[in-house]
C-alpha atoms as a PDB file:
ATOM      1  CA  ARG A   1     -52.082   3.278 -59.317  1.00  0.00           C
ATOM      2  CA  GLU A   2     -48.983   1.281 -60.027  1.00  0.00           C
ATOM      3  CA  ARG A   3     -46.996   4.374 -59.696  1.00  0.00           C
ATOM      4  CA  GLN A   4     -48.791   5.244 -56.520  1.00  0.00           C
ATOM      5  CA  GLY A   5     -47.676   1.957 -55.201  1.00  0.00           C
ATOM      6  CA  GLY A   6     -44.431   1.994 -56.219  1.00  0.00           C
ATOM      7  CA  VAL A   7     -43.963   5.509 -54.709  1.00  0.00           C
ATOM      8  CA  GLU A   8     -45.362   3.888 -51.391  1.00  0.00           C
ATOM      9  CA  ALA A   9     -43.292   1.129 -51.556  1.00  0.00           C
ATOM     10  CA  ALA A  10     -40.156   3.434 -51.778  1.00  0.00           C
ATOM     11  CA  HIS A  11     -41.194   5.448 -49.130  1.00  0.00           C
ATOM     12  CA  GLN A  12     -41.811   2.295 -46.897  1.00  0.00           C
ATOM     13  CA  GLU A  13     -38.209   0.972 -47.976  1.00  0.00           C
ATOM     14  CA  ARG A  14     -36.614   4.508 -46.998  1.00  0.00           C
ATOM     15  CA  MET A  15     -38.682   4.424 -43.755  1.00  0.00           C
ATOM     16  CA  LEU A  16     -37.355   0.947 -42.917  1.00  0.00           C
ATOM     17  CA  ALA A  17     -33.740   1.592 -43.943  1.00  0.00           C
ATOM     18  CA  GLU A  18     -33.836   4.657 -41.608  1.00  0.00           C
ATOM     19  CA  ASP A  19     -35.501   2.689 -38.789  1.00  0.00           C
ATOM     20  CA  MET A  20     -32.620   0.281 -39.469  1.00  0.00           C
ATOM     21  CA  ARG A  21     -30.047   3.065 -39.124  1.00  0.00           C
ATOM     22  CA  PHE A  22     -31.647   4.241 -35.855  1.00  0.00           C
ATOM     23  CA  ARG A  23     -31.537   0.906 -34.370  1.00  0.00           C
ATOM     24  CA  ALA A  24     -28.022   0.091 -35.295  1.00  0.00           C
ATOM     25  CA  LEU A  25     -27.290   3.784 -33.715  1.00  0.00           C
ATOM     26  CA  GLU A  26     -29.116   2.538 -30.589  1.00  0.00           C
ATOM     27  CA  LEU A  27     -27.228  -0.752 -30.515  1.00  0.00           C
ATOM     28  CA  SER A  28     -23.909   0.920 -30.825  1.00  0.00           C
ATOM     29  CA  PHE A  29     -25.067   3.417 -28.288  1.00  0.00           C
ATOM     30  CA  ALA A  30     -25.766   0.387 -25.751  1.00  0.00           C
ATOM     31  CA  GLU A  31     -22.936  -1.469 -26.448  1.00  0.00           C
ATOM     32  CA  VAL A  32     -20.848   1.659 -25.708  1.00  0.00           C
ATOM     33  CA  MET A  33     -22.633   2.307 -22.591  1.00  0.00           C
ATOM     34  CA  TYR A  34     -22.100  -1.400 -21.481  1.00  0.00           C
ATOM     35  CA  GLU A  35     -18.328  -1.012 -22.195  1.00  0.00           C
ATOM     36  CA  ARG A  36     -18.291   2.027 -19.968  1.00  0.00           C
ATOM     37  CA  LYS A  37     -20.269   0.573 -17.315  1.00  0.00           C
ATOM     38  CA  GLU A  38     -17.840  -2.657 -17.603  1.00  0.00           C
ATOM     39  CA  HIS A  39     -14.873  -0.131 -17.236  1.00  0.00           C
ATOM     40  CA  HIS A  40     -16.393   1.698 -14.347  1.00  0.00           C
ATOM     41  CA  LEU A  41     -16.993  -1.826 -12.596  1.00  0.00           C
ATOM     42  CA  ALA A  42     -13.525  -2.705 -13.186  1.00  0.00           C
ATOM     43  CA  MET A  43     -12.104   0.452 -11.670  1.00  0.00           C
ATOM     44  CA  SER A  44     -14.452   0.422  -8.861  1.00  0.00           C
ATOM     45  CA  ARG A  45     -13.322  -3.434  -8.222  1.00  0.00           C
ATOM     46  CA  ARG A  46      -9.701  -2.389  -8.295  1.00  0.00           C
ATOM     47  CA  ALA A  47     -10.416   0.365  -6.160  1.00  0.00           C
ATOM     48  CA  VAL A  48     -12.164  -1.983  -3.509  1.00  0.00           C
ATOM     49  CA  GLU A  49      -9.194  -4.461  -3.927  1.00  0.00           C
ATOM     50  CA  ARG A  50      -6.633  -1.781  -3.297  1.00  0.00           C
ATOM     51  CA  MET A  51      -8.611  -0.539  -0.202  1.00  0.00           C
ATOM     52  CA  CYS A  52      -8.752  -4.212   1.253  1.00  0.00           C
ATOM     53  CA  ASP A  53      -5.262  -4.553   0.212  1.00  0.00           C
ATOM     54  CA  LEU A  54      -4.546  -1.403   2.397  1.00  0.00           C
ATOM     55  CA  GLU A  55      -6.660  -2.432   5.349  1.00  0.00           C
ATOM     56  CA  LEU A  56      -5.239  -5.867   5.358  1.00  0.00           C
ATOM     57  CA  ARG A  57      -1.644  -4.418   5.111  1.00  0.00           C
ATOM     58  CA  ARG A  58      -2.658  -1.963   8.044  1.00  0.00           C
ATOM     59  CA  LEU A  59      -4.180  -4.783  10.089  1.00  0.00           C
ATOM     60  CA  PHE A  60      -1.023  -7.009   9.487  1.00  0.00           C
ATOM     61  CA  GLU A  61       1.335  -4.246  10.310  1.00  0.00           C
ATOM     62  CA  ALA A  62      -0.896  -3.793  13.628  1.00  0.00           C
ATOM     63  CA  TRP A  63      -0.646  -7.346  14.509  1.00  0.00           C
ATOM     64  CA  VAL A  64       3.283  -7.730  13.763  1.00  0.00           C
ATOM     65  CA  GLY A  65       3.325  -4.462  16.032  1.00  0.00           C
ATOM     66  CA  ARG A  66       1.603  -6.223  18.549  1.00  0.00           C
ATOM     67  CA  VAL A  67       3.635  -9.371  18.689  1.00  0.00           C
ATOM     68  CA  GLU A  68       6.915  -7.452  18.663  1.00  0.00           C
ATOM     69  CA  SER A  69       5.429  -5.490  21.615  1.00  0.00           C
ATOM     70  CA  GLU A  70       4.598  -8.871  23.321  1.00  0.00           C
ATOM     71  CA  LYS A  71       7.931 -10.196  22.667  1.00  0.00           C
ATOM     72  CA  ASP A  72       9.480  -7.078  23.988  1.00  0.00           C
ATOM     73  CA  ALA A  73       7.312  -7.394  26.915  1.00  0.00           C
ATOM     74  CA  ARG A  74       8.231 -11.128  27.498  1.00  0.00           C
ATOM     75  CA  ALA A  75      11.982 -10.319  27.302  1.00  0.00           C
ATOM     76  CA  GLN A  76      11.666  -7.427  29.737  1.00  0.00           C
ATOM     77  CA  ALA A  77       9.729  -9.652  32.216  1.00  0.00           C
ATOM     78  CA  GLY A  78      12.435 -12.459  31.598  1.00  0.00           C
ATOM     79  CA  LYS A  79      15.114  -9.895  32.543  1.00  0.00           C
ATOM     80  CA  LEU A  80      13.071  -8.525  35.594  1.00  0.00           C
ATOM     81  CA  ALA A  81      12.832 -12.372  36.737  1.00  0.00           C
ATOM     82  CA  GLU A  82      16.385 -12.866  36.305  1.00  0.00           C
ATOM     83  CA  LEU A  83      17.410  -9.610  38.341  1.00  0.00           C
ATOM     84  CA  GLU A  84      14.670 -10.779  41.249  1.00  0.00           C
ATOM     85  CA  ALA A  85      16.405 -14.071  41.005  1.00  0.00           C
ATOM     86  CA  ALA A  86      19.818 -12.660  41.299  1.00  0.00           C
ATOM     87  CA  HIS A  87      18.607 -10.306  44.071  1.00  0.00           C
ATOM     88  CA  ILE A  88      17.117 -13.093  46.034  1.00  0.00           C
ATOM     89  CA  LEU A  89      20.160 -15.061  45.754  1.00  0.00           C
ATOM     90  CA  ALA A  90      22.377 -12.030  46.812  1.00  0.00           C
ATOM     91  CA  LEU A  91      20.043 -11.504  49.812  1.00  0.00           C
ATOM     92  CA  THR A  92      20.290 -15.308  50.740  1.00  0.00           C
ATOM     93  CA  SER A  93      23.706 -15.642  50.583  1.00  0.00           C
ATOM     94  CA  GLU A  94      24.058 -12.294  52.701  1.00  0.00           C
ATOM     95  CA  GLN A  95      21.780 -13.671  55.306  1.00  0.00           C
ATOM     96  CA  GLU A  96      23.893 -17.080  55.255  1.00  0.00           C
ATOM     97  CA  ARG A  97      27.058 -15.106  55.823  1.00  0.00           C
ATOM     98  CA  PHE A  98      25.500 -12.838  58.330  1.00  0.00           C
ATOM     99  CA  ALA A  99      24.063 -16.004  60.257  1.00  0.00           C
ATOM    100  CA  GLY A 100      27.746 -17.582  59.797  1.00  0.00           C
ATOM    101  CA  SER A 101      29.395 -14.564  61.489  1.00  0.00           C
ATOM    102  CA  GLU A 102      26.895 -14.428  64.249  1.00  0.00           C
ATOM    103  CA  ALA A 103      27.231 -18.032  65.216  1.00  0.00           C
ATOM    104  CA  ALA A 104      31.048 -17.773  65.171  1.00  0.00           C
END
């Protein structure tokens, strides 16, 4: 009987040791999966950050382009206004000369 009890105790110890090894493997696997998931999330986060950076850069460049276009448009409008003013001044002085020559 004692022998039978010793055999059963040894069997239970082996089963417990095997169960502990299995649980250690499960834990190790879970840690690896967690690290992989963390790595995947970090990669995804970096990809999203890169996409956001590219989109922000594109928007900024579009805004700068629009500002430059508006500056060019204002500069052209200013030049046009100067030309119109010069033309009006020339017409006015031409009319005054014509009026002066007719009066004489």
